[in-house]
Amino acid sequence: MTDQSTAENIVLDFGAFVLNATLFDTAIARRFAENLPLRVDLTQWGNELYGPVGIDLGEEEPVEDIPDGGIAYTNRGGLVCVFFGQRPAWPVDYIGRIEEGSWRRLLEKHSKEHLEIREA
């Protein structure tokens, strides 16, 4: 599952607002962190944002459900996904989470076309 003993803090910068998040201590999350900063062009599908990161991080323990505020990676297309009320279309690797409750900013009517992910 997700070990947070040596988690890494990151920032999700949507331009209009910034959210703080934590990457879990998993192999994929560590590989993801090694490639920061990343700039991602986003697509919105319901209450999920996703976009290509341009790297294949593999697959570890994909799950079928991600909680609101969850950050995931899928090697189907090398996508990072941010969930805020949507269920994944297929199992994805749960790699991190947005700080408690602040994910609700994603429900607001701000532009969410681009995302910069960087170390905090």
C-alpha atoms as a PDB file:
ATOM      1  CA  MET A   1       0.000   0.000   0.000  1.00  0.00           C
ATOM      2  CA  THR A   2       1.272   3.520   0.654  1.00  0.00           C
ATOM      3  CA  ASP A   3       4.086   4.072   3.129  1.00  0.00           C
ATOM      4  CA  GLN A   4       4.350   7.711   4.131  1.00  0.00           C
ATOM      5  CA  SER A   5       7.388   7.311   6.406  1.00  0.00           C
ATOM      6  CA  THR A   6       9.695   9.145   3.983  1.00  0.00           C
ATOM      7  CA  ALA A   7       7.116  11.031   1.948  1.00  0.00           C
ATOM      8  CA  GLU A   8       8.113  13.991  -0.228  1.00  0.00           C
ATOM      9  CA  ASN A   9       6.285  17.319  -0.249  1.00  0.00           C
ATOM     10  CA  ILE A  10       5.405  18.765  -3.644  1.00  0.00           C
ATOM     11  CA  VAL A  11       3.511  21.736  -5.081  1.00  0.00           C
ATOM     12  CA  LEU A  12       0.804  21.525  -7.738  1.00  0.00           C
ATOM     13  CA  ASP A  13       0.765  24.924  -9.462  1.00  0.00           C
ATOM     14  CA  PHE A  14      -2.294  25.468 -11.670  1.00  0.00           C
ATOM     15  CA  GLY A  15      -1.416  29.124 -12.361  1.00  0.00           C
ATOM     16  CA  ALA A  16      -4.565  30.584 -10.747  1.00  0.00           C
ATOM     17  CA  PHE A  17      -3.905  28.687  -7.496  1.00  0.00           C
ATOM     18  CA  VAL A  18      -1.413  26.354  -5.851  1.00  0.00           C
ATOM     19  CA  LEU A  19      -2.044  23.164  -3.870  1.00  0.00           C
ATOM     20  CA  ASN A  20       0.389  21.459  -1.527  1.00  0.00           C
ATOM     21  CA  ALA A  21       0.635  17.702  -1.733  1.00  0.00           C
ATOM     22  CA  THR A  22       2.668  14.742  -0.553  1.00  0.00           C
ATOM     23  CA  LEU A  23       4.123  11.903  -2.594  1.00  0.00           C
ATOM     24  CA  PHE A  24       4.119   8.532  -0.844  1.00  0.00           C
ATOM     25  CA  ASP A  25       7.214   6.410  -0.342  1.00  0.00           C
ATOM     26  CA  THR A  26       6.628   3.937  -3.170  1.00  0.00           C
ATOM     27  CA  ALA A  27       8.913   3.004  -6.056  1.00  0.00           C
ATOM     28  CA  ILE A  28       6.785   4.820  -8.649  1.00  0.00           C
ATOM     29  CA  ALA A  29       6.331   7.914  -6.466  1.00  0.00           C
ATOM     30  CA  ARG A  30      10.116   8.071  -5.930  1.00  0.00           C
ATOM     31  CA  ARG A  31      10.739   7.770  -9.699  1.00  0.00           C
ATOM     32  CA  PHE A  32       8.097  10.454 -10.266  1.00  0.00           C
ATOM     33  CA  ALA A  33       9.849  12.773  -7.766  1.00  0.00           C
ATOM     34  CA  GLU A  34      13.228  12.205  -9.472  1.00  0.00           C
ATOM     35  CA  ASN A  35      11.774  13.763 -12.642  1.00  0.00           C
ATOM     36  CA  LEU A  36      10.498  16.979 -11.032  1.00  0.00           C
ATOM     37  CA  PRO A  37       9.813  19.656 -12.022  1.00  0.00           C
ATOM     38  CA  LEU A  38       7.227  18.603 -14.596  1.00  0.00           C
ATOM     39  CA  ARG A  39       4.932  20.731 -16.741  1.00  0.00           C
ATOM     40  CA  VAL A  40       1.760  18.925 -17.763  1.00  0.00           C
ATOM     41  CA  ASP A  41      -0.940  19.909 -20.272  1.00  0.00           C
ATOM     42  CA  LEU A  42      -4.175  18.778 -18.657  1.00  0.00           C
ATOM     43  CA  THR A  43      -7.431  17.307 -19.865  1.00  0.00           C
ATOM     44  CA  GLN A  44     -10.477  17.243 -17.613  1.00  0.00           C
ATOM     45  CA  TRP A  45     -12.772  14.225 -17.550  1.00  0.00           C
ATOM     46  CA  GLY A  46     -15.541  14.706 -15.007  1.00  0.00           C
ATOM     47  CA  ASN A  47     -13.800  15.359 -11.704  1.00  0.00           C
ATOM     48  CA  GLU A  48     -10.423  14.124 -12.838  1.00  0.00           C
ATOM     49  CA  LEU A  49      -7.527  16.007 -14.384  1.00  0.00           C
ATOM     50  CA  TYR A  50      -4.895  14.078 -16.298  1.00  0.00           C
ATOM     51  CA  GLY A  51      -2.022  14.671 -18.653  1.00  0.00           C
ATOM     52  CA  PRO A  52       1.135  13.081 -20.051  1.00  0.00           C
ATOM     53  CA  VAL A  53       4.400  13.399 -18.157  1.00  0.00           C
ATOM     54  CA  GLY A  54       6.518  12.054 -21.009  1.00  0.00           C
ATOM     55  CA  ILE A  55       8.129   9.238 -19.021  1.00  0.00           C
ATOM     56  CA  ASP A  56       7.265   5.615 -18.366  1.00  0.00           C
ATOM     57  CA  LEU A  57       7.549   4.938 -14.641  1.00  0.00           C
ATOM     58  CA  GLY A  58       6.284   1.375 -14.907  1.00  0.00           C
ATOM     59  CA  GLU A  59       3.551  -0.172 -12.828  1.00  0.00           C
ATOM     60  CA  GLU A  60       3.607  -1.197  -9.180  1.00  0.00           C
ATOM     61  CA  GLU A  61       0.277  -1.857  -7.433  1.00  0.00           C
ATOM     62  CA  PRO A  62      -2.579  -0.370  -9.484  1.00  0.00           C
ATOM     63  CA  VAL A  63      -5.847   0.156  -7.618  1.00  0.00           C
ATOM     64  CA  GLU A  64      -9.375   0.695  -8.910  1.00  0.00           C
ATOM     65  CA  ASP A  65     -10.358   3.546  -6.606  1.00  0.00           C
ATOM     66  CA  ILE A  66      -8.549   6.746  -5.616  1.00  0.00           C
ATOM     67  CA  PRO A  67      -9.871   9.045  -2.866  1.00  0.00           C
ATOM     68  CA  ASP A  68     -10.706  12.700  -3.519  1.00  0.00           C
ATOM     69  CA  GLY A  69      -7.470  14.654  -3.609  1.00  0.00           C
ATOM     70  CA  GLY A  70      -5.522  11.599  -4.703  1.00  0.00           C
ATOM     71  CA  ILE A  71      -2.660  11.774  -7.176  1.00  0.00           C
ATOM     72  CA  ALA A  72      -2.051   8.769  -9.379  1.00  0.00           C
ATOM     73  CA  TYR A  73       0.131   7.605 -12.238  1.00  0.00           C
ATOM     74  CA  THR A  74      -0.691   5.197 -15.027  1.00  0.00           C
ATOM     75  CA  ASN A  75       1.775   3.801 -17.521  1.00  0.00           C
ATOM     76  CA  ARG A  76      -1.073   3.682 -20.072  1.00  0.00           C
ATOM     77  CA  GLY A  77       0.092   6.814 -21.819  1.00  0.00           C
ATOM     78  CA  GLY A  78       2.456   7.866 -19.011  1.00  0.00           C
ATOM     79  CA  LEU A  79      -0.220  10.005 -17.342  1.00  0.00           C
ATOM     80  CA  VAL A  80      -0.382  11.770 -14.014  1.00  0.00           C
ATOM     81  CA  CYS A  81      -3.962  11.953 -12.715  1.00  0.00           C
ATOM     82  CA  VAL A  82      -5.540  14.134 -10.029  1.00  0.00           C
ATOM     83  CA  PHE A  83      -8.852  12.896  -8.658  1.00  0.00           C
ATOM     84  CA  PHE A  84     -11.499  15.046  -6.994  1.00  0.00           C
ATOM     85  CA  GLY A  85     -14.691  13.032  -7.269  1.00  0.00           C
ATOM     86  CA  GLN A  86     -14.092  10.742 -10.238  1.00  0.00           C
ATOM     87  CA  ARG A  87     -13.308   7.041 -10.271  1.00  0.00           C
ATOM     88  CA  PRO A  88     -10.382   5.959 -12.503  1.00  0.00           C
ATOM     89  CA  ALA A  89     -11.305   4.504 -15.901  1.00  0.00           C
ATOM     90  CA  TRP A  90      -8.836   1.671 -15.165  1.00  0.00           C
ATOM     91  CA  PRO A  91      -6.578   0.749 -12.231  1.00  0.00           C
ATOM     92  CA  VAL A  92      -3.843   3.306 -11.549  1.00  0.00           C
ATOM     93  CA  ASP A  93      -0.932   3.587  -9.118  1.00  0.00           C
ATOM     94  CA  TYR A  94      -1.844   5.800  -6.135  1.00  0.00           C
ATOM     95  CA  ILE A  95       1.298   7.891  -5.586  1.00  0.00           C
ATOM     96  CA  GLY A  96       0.269  10.847  -3.430  1.00  0.00           C
ATOM     97  CA  ARG A  97      -2.385  13.136  -2.058  1.00  0.00           C
ATOM     98  CA  ILE A  98      -3.257  16.797  -1.877  1.00  0.00           C
ATOM     99  CA  GLU A  99      -3.332  18.306   1.625  1.00  0.00           C
ATOM    100  CA  GLU A 100      -6.515  17.497   3.505  1.00  0.00           C
ATOM    101  CA  GLY A 101      -9.536  19.300   2.076  1.00  0.00           C
ATOM    102  CA  SER A 102      -7.615  21.748  -0.128  1.00  0.00           C
ATOM    103  CA  TRP A 103      -8.378  19.563  -3.176  1.00  0.00           C
ATOM    104  CA  ARG A 104     -11.854  21.208  -3.146  1.00  0.00           C
ATOM    105  CA  ARG A 105     -10.257  24.167  -4.966  1.00  0.00           C
ATOM    106  CA  LEU A 106     -10.320  21.888  -8.018  1.00  0.00           C
ATOM    107  CA  LEU A 107     -14.136  22.136  -8.014  1.00  0.00           C
ATOM    108  CA  GLU A 108     -13.953  25.916  -8.544  1.00  0.00           C
ATOM    109  CA  LYS A 109     -14.259  27.446 -12.018  1.00  0.00           C
ATOM    110  CA  HIS A 110     -10.582  28.257 -12.523  1.00  0.00           C
ATOM    111  CA  SER A 111      -8.638  27.366 -15.638  1.00  0.00           C
ATOM    112  CA  LYS A 112      -6.954  24.030 -15.138  1.00  0.00           C
ATOM    113  CA  GLU A 113      -5.330  23.523 -18.542  1.00  0.00           C
ATOM    114  CA  HIS A 114      -1.739  23.411 -17.318  1.00  0.00           C
ATOM    115  CA  LEU A 115      -0.001  22.125 -14.235  1.00  0.00           C
ATOM    116  CA  GLU A 116       3.522  22.557 -12.941  1.00  0.00           C
ATOM    117  CA  ILE A 117       4.559  19.961 -10.375  1.00  0.00           C
ATOM    118  CA  ARG A 118       7.663  20.795  -8.361  1.00  0.00           C
ATOM    119  CA  GLU A 119       9.327  20.073  -5.036  1.00  0.00           C
ATOM    120  CA  ALA A 120       8.010  22.151  -2.135  1.00  0.00           C
END
